[in-house]
PDB file of all heavy atoms in Angstrom:
ATOM      1  N   SER A   1      12.686  10.988  38.666  1.00  0.00           N
ATOM      2  CA  SER A   1      11.639  10.798  37.734  1.00  0.00           C
ATOM      3  C   SER A   1      10.855  12.120  37.532  1.00  0.00           C
ATOM      4  O   SER A   1      10.061  12.150  36.681  1.00  0.00           O
ATOM      5  CB  SER A   1      10.629   9.808  38.360  1.00  0.00           C
ATOM      6  OG  SER A   1      10.227  10.284  39.706  1.00  0.00           O
ATOM      7  N   TYR A   2      11.246  13.249  38.224  1.00  0.00           N
ATOM      8  CA  TYR A   2      10.592  14.472  37.865  1.00  0.00           C
ATOM      9  C   TYR A   2      11.374  15.140  36.747  1.00  0.00           C
ATOM     10  O   TYR A   2      10.982  16.285  36.424  1.00  0.00           O
ATOM     11  CB  TYR A   2      10.531  15.348  39.151  1.00  0.00           C
ATOM     12  CG  TYR A   2      11.923  15.718  39.770  1.00  0.00           C
ATOM     13  CD1 TYR A   2      12.738  16.616  39.233  1.00  0.00           C
ATOM     14  CD2 TYR A   2      12.264  15.025  40.955  1.00  0.00           C
ATOM     15  CE1 TYR A   2      13.952  16.933  39.873  1.00  0.00           C
ATOM     16  CE2 TYR A   2      13.410  15.286  41.527  1.00  0.00           C
ATOM     17  CZ  TYR A   2      14.251  16.210  41.006  1.00  0.00           C
ATOM     18  OH  TYR A   2      15.459  16.502  41.561  1.00  0.00           O
ATOM     19  N   ALA A   3      12.430  14.585  36.194  1.00  0.00           N
ATOM     20  CA  ALA A   3      13.206  15.252  35.294  1.00  0.00           C
ATOM     21  C   ALA A   3      12.375  15.517  33.961  1.00  0.00           C
ATOM     22  O   ALA A   3      12.605  16.597  33.364  1.00  0.00           O
ATOM     23  CB  ALA A   3      14.422  14.325  34.843  1.00  0.00           C
ATOM     24  N   TYR A   4      11.431  14.677  33.614  1.00  0.00           N
ATOM     25  CA  TYR A   4      10.657  14.965  32.511  1.00  0.00           C
ATOM     26  C   TYR A   4       9.781  16.203  32.672  1.00  0.00           C
ATOM     27  O   TYR A   4       9.458  16.911  31.689  1.00  0.00           O
ATOM     28  CB  TYR A   4       9.774  13.651  32.094  1.00  0.00           C
ATOM     29  CG  TYR A   4       8.602  13.451  32.977  1.00  0.00           C
ATOM     30  CD1 TYR A   4       7.346  13.937  32.543  1.00  0.00           C
ATOM     31  CD2 TYR A   4       8.719  12.769  34.198  1.00  0.00           C
ATOM     32  CE1 TYR A   4       6.200  13.729  33.443  1.00  0.00           C
ATOM     33  CE2 TYR A   4       7.640  12.611  34.996  1.00  0.00           C
ATOM     34  CZ  TYR A   4       6.353  13.078  34.571  1.00  0.00           C
ATOM     35  OH  TYR A   4       5.382  12.887  35.396  1.00  0.00           O
ATOM     36  N   LEU A   5       9.314  16.398  33.896  1.00  0.00           N
ATOM     37  CA  LEU A   5       8.537  17.616  34.104  1.00  0.00           C
ATOM     38  C   LEU A   5       9.445  18.839  33.966  1.00  0.00           C
ATOM     39  O   LEU A   5       8.850  19.863  33.571  1.00  0.00           O
ATOM     40  CB  LEU A   5       7.866  17.530  35.549  1.00  0.00           C
ATOM     41  CG  LEU A   5       6.715  16.592  35.751  1.00  0.00           C
ATOM     42  CD1 LEU A   5       6.433  16.420  37.222  1.00  0.00           C
ATOM     43  CD2 LEU A   5       5.524  16.836  34.815  1.00  0.00           C
ATOM     44  N   MET A   6      10.664  18.757  34.356  1.00  0.00           N
ATOM     45  CA  MET A   6      11.561  19.879  34.378  1.00  0.00           C
ATOM     46  C   MET A   6      11.918  20.081  32.845  1.00  0.00           C
ATOM     47  O   MET A   6      12.066  21.229  32.343  1.00  0.00           O
ATOM     48  CB  MET A   6      12.747  19.720  35.180  1.00  0.00           C
ATOM     49  CG  MET A   6      12.334  19.638  36.662  1.00  0.00           C
ATOM     50  SD  MET A   6      13.774  19.710  37.770  1.00  0.00           S
ATOM     51  CE  MET A   6      14.258  21.422  37.654  1.00  0.00           C
ATOM     52  N   ASP A   7      12.098  19.030  32.081  1.00  0.00           N
ATOM     53  CA  ASP A   7      12.503  19.145  30.682  1.00  0.00           C
ATOM     54  C   ASP A   7      11.432  19.775  29.857  1.00  0.00           C
ATOM     55  O   ASP A   7      11.689  20.529  28.924  1.00  0.00           O
ATOM     56  CB  ASP A   7      12.864  17.750  30.102  1.00  0.00           C
ATOM     57  CG  ASP A   7      14.225  17.182  30.754  1.00  0.00           C
ATOM     58  OD1 ASP A   7      14.976  18.004  31.307  1.00  0.00           O
ATOM     59  OD2 ASP A   7      14.434  15.922  30.760  1.00  0.00           O
ATOM     60  N   SER A   8      10.209  19.499  30.231  1.00  0.00           N
ATOM     61  CA  SER A   8       9.072  20.054  29.499  1.00  0.00           C
ATOM     62  C   SER A   8       8.677  21.455  30.023  1.00  0.00           C
ATOM     63  O   SER A   8       7.645  21.965  29.591  1.00  0.00           O
ATOM     64  CB  SER A   8       7.840  19.046  29.686  1.00  0.00           C
ATOM     65  OG  SER A   8       7.466  18.995  30.970  1.00  0.00           O
ATOM     66  N   LYS A   9       9.464  21.874  31.006  1.00  0.00           N
ATOM     67  CA  LYS A   9       9.212  23.146  31.660  1.00  0.00           C
ATOM     68  C   LYS A   9       7.865  23.277  32.387  1.00  0.00           C
ATOM     69  O   LYS A   9       7.330  24.314  32.625  1.00  0.00           O
ATOM     70  CB  LYS A   9       9.129  24.346  30.516  1.00  0.00           C
ATOM     71  CG  LYS A   9      10.460  24.386  29.733  1.00  0.00           C
ATOM     72  CD  LYS A   9      11.644  24.750  30.644  1.00  0.00           C
ATOM     73  CE  LYS A   9      12.895  24.943  29.835  1.00  0.00           C
ATOM     74  NZ  LYS A   9      14.008  25.258  30.711  1.00  0.00           N
ATOM     75  N   THR A  10       7.317  22.098  32.842  1.00  0.00           N
ATOM     76  CA  THR A  10       6.162  22.154  33.662  1.00  0.00           C
ATOM     77  C   THR A  10       6.597  22.641  35.080  1.00  0.00           C
ATOM     78  O   THR A  10       5.837  23.236  35.815  1.00  0.00           O
ATOM     79  CB  THR A  10       5.627  20.738  33.780  1.00  0.00           C
ATOM     80  OG1 THR A  10       5.183  20.209  32.417  1.00  0.00           O
ATOM     81  CG2 THR A  10       4.374  20.605  34.643  1.00  0.00           C
ATOM     82  N   ILE A  11       7.821  22.325  35.482  1.00  0.00           N
ATOM     83  CA  ILE A  11       8.332  22.645  36.793  1.00  0.00           C
ATOM     84  C   ILE A  11       9.681  23.543  36.433  1.00  0.00           C
ATOM     85  O   ILE A  11      10.472  23.081  35.696  1.00  0.00           O
ATOM     86  CB  ILE A  11       8.698  21.567  37.724  1.00  0.00           C
ATOM     87  CG1 ILE A  11       7.506  20.634  37.987  1.00  0.00           C
ATOM     88  CG2 ILE A  11       9.210  22.064  38.975  1.00  0.00           C
ATOM     89  CD1 ILE A  11       7.783  19.446  38.788  1.00  0.00           C
ATOM     90  N   GLU A  12       9.803  24.656  37.098  1.00  0.00           N
ATOM     91  CA  GLU A  12      11.071  25.374  37.065  1.00  0.00           C
ATOM     92  C   GLU A  12      11.524  25.633  38.431  1.00  0.00           C
ATOM     93  O   GLU A  12      10.696  26.059  39.289  1.00  0.00           O
ATOM     94  CB  GLU A  12      10.798  26.728  36.341  1.00  0.00           C
ATOM     95  CG  GLU A  12      10.718  26.658  34.767  1.00  0.00           C
ATOM     96  CD  GLU A  12      10.694  28.005  34.162  1.00  0.00           C
ATOM     97  OE1 GLU A  12      10.907  28.980  34.830  1.00  0.00           O
ATOM     98  OE2 GLU A  12      10.524  28.021  32.882  1.00  0.00           O
ATOM     99  N   VAL A  13      12.830  25.249  38.710  1.00  0.00           N
ATOM    100  CA  VAL A  13      13.385  25.534  40.073  1.00  0.00           C
ATOM    101  C   VAL A  13      14.603  26.349  39.786  1.00  0.00           C
ATOM    102  O   VAL A  13      15.558  26.038  39.142  1.00  0.00           O
ATOM    103  CB  VAL A  13      13.816  24.139  40.671  1.00  0.00           C
ATOM    104  CG1 VAL A  13      14.501  24.417  42.047  1.00  0.00           C
ATOM    105  CG2 VAL A  13      12.723  23.186  40.826  1.00  0.00           C
ATOM    106  N   GLU A  14      14.498  27.594  40.408  1.00  0.00           N
ATOM    107  CA  GLU A  14      15.528  28.553  40.210  1.00  0.00           C
ATOM    108  C   GLU A  14      15.750  29.558  41.310  1.00  0.00           C
ATOM    109  O   GLU A  14      14.753  29.778  42.099  1.00  0.00           O
ATOM    110  CB  GLU A  14      15.280  29.353  38.818  1.00  0.00           C
ATOM    111  CG  GLU A  14      13.948  29.992  38.848  1.00  0.00           C
ATOM    112  CD  GLU A  14      13.675  30.581  37.495  1.00  0.00           C
ATOM    113  OE1 GLU A  14      14.097  29.951  36.549  1.00  0.00           O
ATOM    114  OE2 GLU A  14      13.008  31.586  37.416  1.00  0.00           O
ATOM    115  N   PRO A  15      16.858  30.140  41.532  1.00  0.00           N
ATOM    116  CA  PRO A  15      17.095  31.079  42.581  1.00  0.00           C
ATOM    117  C   PRO A  15      16.221  32.389  42.344  1.00  0.00           C
ATOM    118  O   PRO A  15      15.785  32.712  41.165  1.00  0.00           O
ATOM    119  CB  PRO A  15      18.595  31.522  42.518  1.00  0.00           C
ATOM    120  CG  PRO A  15      18.934  31.077  41.151  1.00  0.00           C
ATOM    121  CD  PRO A  15      18.136  30.024  40.636  1.00  0.00           C
ATOM    122  N   LEU A  16      15.926  33.063  43.417  1.00  0.00           N
ATOM    123  CA  LEU A  16      15.072  34.063  43.389  1.00  0.00           C
ATOM    124  C   LEU A  16      15.597  35.394  42.484  1.00  0.00           C
ATOM    125  O   LEU A  16      14.841  36.140  42.023  1.00  0.00           O
ATOM    126  CB  LEU A  16      14.692  34.684  44.817  1.00  0.00           C
ATOM    127  CG  LEU A  16      13.537  35.677  44.927  1.00  0.00           C
ATOM    128  CD1 LEU A  16      12.265  34.923  44.646  1.00  0.00           C
ATOM    129  CD2 LEU A  16      13.442  36.072  46.415  1.00  0.00           C
ATOM    130  N   THR A  17      16.898  35.422  42.441  1.00  0.00           N
ATOM    131  CA  THR A  17      17.547  36.426  41.522  1.00  0.00           C
ATOM    132  C   THR A  17      17.067  36.430  40.180  1.00  0.00           C
ATOM    133  O   THR A  17      16.813  37.520  39.567  1.00  0.00           O
ATOM    134  CB  THR A  17      19.010  36.183  41.626  1.00  0.00           C
ATOM    135  OG1 THR A  17      19.514  36.320  42.972  1.00  0.00           O
ATOM    136  CG2 THR A  17      19.747  37.349  40.813  1.00  0.00           C
ATOM    137  N   TYR A  18      16.778  35.190  39.647  1.00  0.00           N
ATOM    138  CA  TYR A  18      16.186  35.160  38.316  1.00  0.00           C
ATOM    139  C   TYR A  18      14.680  35.466  38.144  1.00  0.00           C
ATOM    140  O   TYR A  18      14.266  35.681  37.027  1.00  0.00           O
ATOM    141  CB  TYR A  18      16.432  33.758  37.763  1.00  0.00           C
ATOM    142  CG  TYR A  18      17.923  33.350  37.716  1.00  0.00           C
ATOM    143  CD1 TYR A  18      18.285  31.971  37.632  1.00  0.00           C
ATOM    144  CD2 TYR A  18      18.930  34.271  37.751  1.00  0.00           C
ATOM    145  CE1 TYR A  18      19.598  31.604  37.573  1.00  0.00           C
ATOM    146  CE2 TYR A  18      20.209  33.965  37.760  1.00  0.00           C
ATOM    147  CZ  TYR A  18      20.533  32.547  37.654  1.00  0.00           C
ATOM    148  OH  TYR A  18      21.915  32.230  37.535  1.00  0.00           O
ATOM    149  N   ILE A  19      14.003  35.496  39.322  1.00  0.00           N
ATOM    150  CA  ILE A  19      12.606  35.824  39.286  1.00  0.00           C
ATOM    151  C   ILE A  19      12.334  37.218  39.093  1.00  0.00           C
ATOM    152  O   ILE A  19      11.499  37.742  38.338  1.00  0.00           O
ATOM    153  CB  ILE A  19      11.896  35.314  40.621  1.00  0.00           C
ATOM    154  CG1 ILE A  19      11.976  33.861  40.643  1.00  0.00           C
ATOM    155  CG2 ILE A  19      10.466  35.827  40.620  1.00  0.00           C
ATOM    156  CD1 ILE A  19      11.091  33.128  39.639  1.00  0.00           C
ATOM    157  N   ARG A  20      13.205  38.153  39.688  1.00  0.00           N
ATOM    158  CA  ARG A  20      12.995  39.554  39.732  1.00  0.00           C
ATOM    159  C   ARG A  20      13.254  40.084  38.303  1.00  0.00           C
ATOM    160  O   ARG A  20      14.141  39.648  37.582  1.00  0.00           O
ATOM    161  CB  ARG A  20      14.102  40.166  40.602  1.00  0.00           C
ATOM    162  CG  ARG A  20      13.961  39.760  42.054  1.00  0.00           C
ATOM    163  CD  ARG A  20      14.852  40.554  43.031  1.00  0.00           C
ATOM    164  NE  ARG A  20      14.761  40.085  44.341  1.00  0.00           N
ATOM    165  CZ  ARG A  20      15.716  39.291  44.998  1.00  0.00           C
ATOM    166  NH1 ARG A  20      16.717  38.855  44.267  1.00  0.00           N
ATOM    167  NH2 ARG A  20      15.548  38.930  46.205  1.00  0.00           N
ATOM    168  N   GLY A  21      12.422  41.051  37.951  1.00  0.00           N
ATOM    169  CA  GLY A  21      12.533  41.575  36.610  1.00  0.00           C
ATOM    170  C   GLY A  21      11.704  40.977  35.591  1.00  0.00           C
ATOM    171  O   GLY A  21      11.455  41.523  34.475  1.00  0.00           O
ATOM    172  N   ARG A  22      11.067  39.820  35.974  1.00  0.00           N
ATOM    173  CA  ARG A  22      10.290  39.094  34.953  1.00  0.00           C
ATOM    174  C   ARG A  22       8.831  39.425  35.194  1.00  0.00           C
ATOM    175  O   ARG A  22       8.440  39.921  36.237  1.00  0.00           O
ATOM    176  CB  ARG A  22      10.422  37.553  35.133  1.00  0.00           C
ATOM    177  CG  ARG A  22      11.816  36.987  34.748  1.00  0.00           C
ATOM    178  CD  ARG A  22      11.976  35.589  35.207  1.00  0.00           C
ATOM    179  NE  ARG A  22      10.866  34.711  34.718  1.00  0.00           N
ATOM    180  CZ  ARG A  22      10.782  33.399  35.081  1.00  0.00           C
ATOM    181  NH1 ARG A  22      11.537  32.856  35.853  1.00  0.00           N
ATOM    182  NH2 ARG A  22       9.819  32.725  34.743  1.00  0.00           N
ATOM    183  N   SER A  23       7.964  39.073  34.137  1.00  0.00           N
ATOM    184  CA  SER A  23       6.538  39.116  34.332  1.00  0.00           C
ATOM    185  C   SER A  23       6.043  37.631  34.326  1.00  0.00           C
ATOM    186  O   SER A  23       6.420  36.866  33.490  1.00  0.00           O
ATOM    187  CB  SER A  23       5.873  39.872  33.155  1.00  0.00           C
ATOM    188  OG  SER A  23       4.503  39.782  33.241  1.00  0.00           O
ATOM    189  N   ILE A  24       5.303  37.211  35.278  1.00  0.00           N
ATOM    190  CA  ILE A  24       4.953  35.848  35.570  1.00  0.00           C
ATOM    191  C   ILE A  24       3.425  35.852  35.524  1.00  0.00           C
ATOM    192  O   ILE A  24       2.693  35.813  36.474  1.00  0.00           O
ATOM    193  CB  ILE A  24       5.491  35.461  36.986  1.00  0.00           C
ATOM    194  CG1 ILE A  24       6.981  35.791  37.032  1.00  0.00           C
ATOM    195  CG2 ILE A  24       5.217  33.905  37.130  1.00  0.00           C
ATOM    196  CD1 ILE A  24       7.558  35.421  38.382  1.00  0.00           C
ATOM    197  N   PRO A  25       2.859  35.515  34.325  1.00  0.00           N
ATOM    198  CA  PRO A  25       1.383  35.309  34.161  1.00  0.00           C
ATOM    199  C   PRO A  25       1.052  33.762  34.238  1.00  0.00           C
ATOM    200  O   PRO A  25       1.787  32.922  33.832  1.00  0.00           O
ATOM    201  CB  PRO A  25       1.183  35.833  32.798  1.00  0.00           C
ATOM    202  CG  PRO A  25       2.386  35.581  32.034  1.00  0.00           C
ATOM    203  CD  PRO A  25       3.609  35.568  32.937  1.00  0.00           C
ATOM    204  N   LYS A  26      -0.114  33.518  34.784  1.00  0.00           N
ATOM    205  CA  LYS A  26      -0.796  32.185  34.791  1.00  0.00           C
ATOM    206  C   LYS A  26       0.271  31.165  35.275  1.00  0.00           C
ATOM    207  O   LYS A  26       0.347  30.125  34.723  1.00  0.00           O
ATOM    208  CB  LYS A  26      -1.153  31.929  33.359  1.00  0.00           C
ATOM    209  CG  LYS A  26      -2.292  30.831  33.255  1.00  0.00           C
ATOM    210  CD  LYS A  26      -3.547  31.203  33.845  1.00  0.00           C
ATOM    211  CE  LYS A  26      -4.657  30.139  33.585  1.00  0.00           C
ATOM    212  NZ  LYS A  26      -5.908  30.498  34.301  1.00  0.00           N
ATOM    213  N   GLN A  27       0.903  31.463  36.463  1.00  0.00           N
ATOM    214  CA  GLN A  27       1.788  30.471  36.966  1.00  0.00           C
ATOM    215  C   GLN A  27       1.582  30.245  38.444  1.00  0.00           C
ATOM    216  O   GLN A  27       1.058  31.188  39.182  1.00  0.00           O
ATOM    217  CB  GLN A  27       3.256  30.863  36.690  1.00  0.00           C
ATOM    218  CG  GLN A  27       3.609  30.915  35.283  1.00  0.00           C
ATOM    219  CD  GLN A  27       5.075  31.438  34.985  1.00  0.00           C
ATOM    220  OE1 GLN A  27       5.836  31.332  35.780  1.00  0.00           O
ATOM    221  NE2 GLN A  27       5.232  32.021  33.736  1.00  0.00           N
ATOM    222  N   PHE A  28       2.003  29.089  39.018  1.00  0.00           N
ATOM    223  CA  PHE A  28       2.009  28.766  40.413  1.00  0.00           C
ATOM    224  C   PHE A  28       3.275  29.090  40.974  1.00  0.00           C
ATOM    225  O   PHE A  28       4.271  28.183  40.725  1.00  0.00           O
ATOM    226  CB  PHE A  28       1.530  27.329  40.589  1.00  0.00           C
ATOM    227  CG  PHE A  28       1.068  27.047  41.937  1.00  0.00           C
ATOM    228  CD1 PHE A  28      -0.331  26.926  42.224  1.00  0.00           C
ATOM    229  CD2 PHE A  28       1.927  26.884  43.000  1.00  0.00           C
ATOM    230  CE1 PHE A  28      -0.770  26.613  43.444  1.00  0.00           C
ATOM    231  CE2 PHE A  28       1.415  26.621  44.278  1.00  0.00           C
ATOM    232  CZ  PHE A  28       0.152  26.416  44.490  1.00  0.00           C
ATOM    233  N   LEU A  29       3.656  30.161  41.715  1.00  0.00           N
ATOM    234  CA  LEU A  29       4.927  30.597  42.125  1.00  0.00           C
ATOM    235  C   LEU A  29       5.018  30.299  43.617  1.00  0.00           C
ATOM    236  O   LEU A  29       4.265  30.781  44.453  1.00  0.00           O
ATOM    237  CB  LEU A  29       5.030  32.024  41.790  1.00  0.00           C
ATOM    238  CG  LEU A  29       6.376  32.673  42.358  1.00  0.00           C
ATOM    239  CD1 LEU A  29       7.609  32.021  41.880  1.00  0.00           C
ATOM    240  CD2 LEU A  29       6.446  34.136  42.007  1.00  0.00           C
ATOM    241  N   ILE A  30       5.976  29.489  43.978  1.00  0.00           N
ATOM    242  CA  ILE A  30       6.379  29.293  45.351  1.00  0.00           C
ATOM    243  C   ILE A  30       7.659  29.939  45.714  1.00  0.00           C
ATOM    244  O   ILE A  30       8.631  29.646  44.998  1.00  0.00           O
ATOM    245  CB  ILE A  30       6.380  27.750  45.733  1.00  0.00           C
ATOM    246  CG1 ILE A  30       5.009  27.011  45.325  1.00  0.00           C
ATOM    247  CG2 ILE A  30       6.798  27.549  47.167  1.00  0.00           C
ATOM    248  CD1 ILE A  30       5.122  25.614  45.424  1.00  0.00           C
ATOM    249  N   VAL A  31       7.666  30.740  46.708  1.00  0.00           N
ATOM    250  CA  VAL A  31       8.941  31.336  47.222  1.00  0.00           C
ATOM    251  C   VAL A  31       9.203  30.723  48.631  1.00  0.00           C
ATOM    252  O   VAL A  31       8.529  31.069  49.489  1.00  0.00           O
ATOM    253  CB  VAL A  31       8.873  32.890  47.333  1.00  0.00           C
ATOM    254  CG1 VAL A  31      10.210  33.465  47.804  1.00  0.00           C
ATOM    255  CG2 VAL A  31       8.600  33.524  45.865  1.00  0.00           C
ATOM    256  N   ASP A  32      10.139  29.898  48.648  1.00  0.00           N
ATOM    257  CA  ASP A  32      10.573  29.189  49.903  1.00  0.00           C
ATOM    258  C   ASP A  32      11.559  30.048  50.668  1.00  0.00           C
ATOM    259  O   ASP A  32      12.243  30.917  50.176  1.00  0.00           O
ATOM    260  CB  ASP A  32      11.162  27.888  49.612  1.00  0.00           C
ATOM    261  CG  ASP A  32      11.212  26.905  50.820  1.00  0.00           C
ATOM    262  OD1 ASP A  32      10.323  27.184  51.756  1.00  0.00           O
ATOM    263  OD2 ASP A  32      11.980  25.989  50.815  1.00  0.00           O
ATOM    264  N   GLU A  33      11.659  29.883  52.015  1.00  0.00           N
ATOM    265  CA  GLU A  33      12.519  30.614  52.868  1.00  0.00           C
ATOM    266  C   GLU A  33      12.355  32.134  52.747  1.00  0.00           C
ATOM    267  O   GLU A  33      13.308  32.928  52.724  1.00  0.00           O
ATOM    268  CB  GLU A  33      14.060  30.257  52.477  1.00  0.00           C
ATOM    269  CG  GLU A  33      14.387  28.842  52.637  1.00  0.00           C
ATOM    270  CD  GLU A  33      14.255  28.306  54.104  1.00  0.00           C
ATOM    271  OE1 GLU A  33      14.273  29.193  55.019  1.00  0.00           O
ATOM    272  OE2 GLU A  33      14.209  27.085  54.304  1.00  0.00           O
ATOM    273  N   ALA A  34      11.104  32.549  52.644  1.00  0.00           N
ATOM    274  CA  ALA A  34      10.753  34.032  52.477  1.00  0.00           C
ATOM    275  C   ALA A  34      11.082  34.827  53.631  1.00  0.00           C
ATOM    276  O   ALA A  34      11.124  36.015  53.488  1.00  0.00           O
ATOM    277  CB  ALA A  34       9.242  34.222  52.006  1.00  0.00           C
ATOM    278  N   GLN A  35      11.366  34.207  54.781  1.00  0.00           N
ATOM    279  CA  GLN A  35      11.746  35.013  55.931  1.00  0.00           C
ATOM    280  C   GLN A  35      13.084  35.667  55.833  1.00  0.00           C
ATOM    281  O   GLN A  35      13.440  36.647  56.473  1.00  0.00           O
ATOM    282  CB  GLN A  35      11.817  34.153  57.240  1.00  0.00           C
ATOM    283  CG  GLN A  35      13.001  33.347  57.451  1.00  0.00           C
ATOM    284  CD  GLN A  35      12.920  32.032  56.531  1.00  0.00           C
ATOM    285  OE1 GLN A  35      12.032  31.655  55.914  1.00  0.00           O
ATOM    286  NE2 GLN A  35      14.046  31.262  56.569  1.00  0.00           N
ATOM    287  N   ASN A  36      13.867  35.270  54.744  1.00  0.00           N
ATOM    288  CA  ASN A  36      15.187  35.904  54.596  1.00  0.00           C
ATOM    289  C   ASN A  36      15.107  37.106  53.544  1.00  0.00           C
ATOM    290  O   ASN A  36      16.052  37.710  53.258  1.00  0.00           O
ATOM    291  CB  ASN A  36      16.129  34.900  53.874  1.00  0.00           C
ATOM    292  CG  ASN A  36      16.628  33.946  55.009  1.00  0.00           C
ATOM    293  OD1 ASN A  36      16.949  34.235  56.114  1.00  0.00           O
ATOM    294  ND2 ASN A  36      16.785  32.683  54.599  1.00  0.00           N
ATOM    295  N   LEU A  37      13.868  37.490  53.140  1.00  0.00           N
ATOM    296  CA  LEU A  37      13.715  38.621  52.296  1.00  0.00           C
ATOM    297  C   LEU A  37      13.225  39.855  52.954  1.00  0.00           C
ATOM    298  O   LEU A  37      12.674  39.729  54.201  1.00  0.00           O
ATOM    299  CB  LEU A  37      12.494  38.342  51.298  1.00  0.00           C
ATOM    300  CG  LEU A  37      12.777  37.101  50.410  1.00  0.00           C
ATOM    301  CD1 LEU A  37      11.541  36.894  49.514  1.00  0.00           C
ATOM    302  CD2 LEU A  37      14.042  37.299  49.509  1.00  0.00           C
ATOM    303  N   THR A  38      13.648  41.032  52.537  1.00  0.00           N
ATOM    304  CA  THR A  38      13.159  42.274  53.165  1.00  0.00           C
ATOM    305  C   THR A  38      11.727  42.608  52.590  1.00  0.00           C
ATOM    306  O   THR A  38      11.409  42.011  51.643  1.00  0.00           O
ATOM    307  CB  THR A  38      14.118  43.374  52.768  1.00  0.00           C
ATOM    308  OG1 THR A  38      14.080  43.667  51.441  1.00  0.00           O
ATOM    309  CG2 THR A  38      15.527  43.079  53.099  1.00  0.00           C
ATOM    310  N   PRO A  39      11.090  43.561  53.293  1.00  0.00           N
ATOM    311  CA  PRO A  39       9.716  43.802  52.715  1.00  0.00           C
ATOM    312  C   PRO A  39       9.825  44.375  51.338  1.00  0.00           C
ATOM    313  O   PRO A  39       8.958  44.089  50.466  1.00  0.00           O
ATOM    314  CB  PRO A  39       9.240  44.860  53.736  1.00  0.00           C
ATOM    315  CG  PRO A  39       9.902  44.561  54.983  1.00  0.00           C
ATOM    316  CD  PRO A  39      11.292  44.034  54.650  1.00  0.00           C
ATOM    317  N   HIS A  40      10.912  45.090  51.022  1.00  0.00           N
ATOM    318  CA  HIS A  40      11.086  45.690  49.646  1.00  0.00           C
ATOM    319  C   HIS A  40      11.305  44.566  48.646  1.00  0.00           C
ATOM    320  O   HIS A  40      10.669  44.619  47.540  1.00  0.00           O
ATOM    321  CB  HIS A  40      12.183  46.700  49.652  1.00  0.00           C
ATOM    322  CG  HIS A  40      12.480  47.393  48.313  1.00  0.00           C
ATOM    323  ND1 HIS A  40      11.567  48.381  47.947  1.00  0.00           N
ATOM    324  CD2 HIS A  40      13.363  47.193  47.363  1.00  0.00           C
ATOM    325  CE1 HIS A  40      11.907  48.805  46.743  1.00  0.00           C
ATOM    326  NE2 HIS A  40      13.014  48.121  46.353  1.00  0.00           N
TER     327      HIS A  40
END
């Protein structure tokens, strides 16, 4: 039932690789499993 939220781009679920390089204004960004990232 959350498909309509994803179809309307209210929710985006994607791997972190696609986040890098973007500019993300006015968004609520959750990075899960952040313990697997380096400080850089």
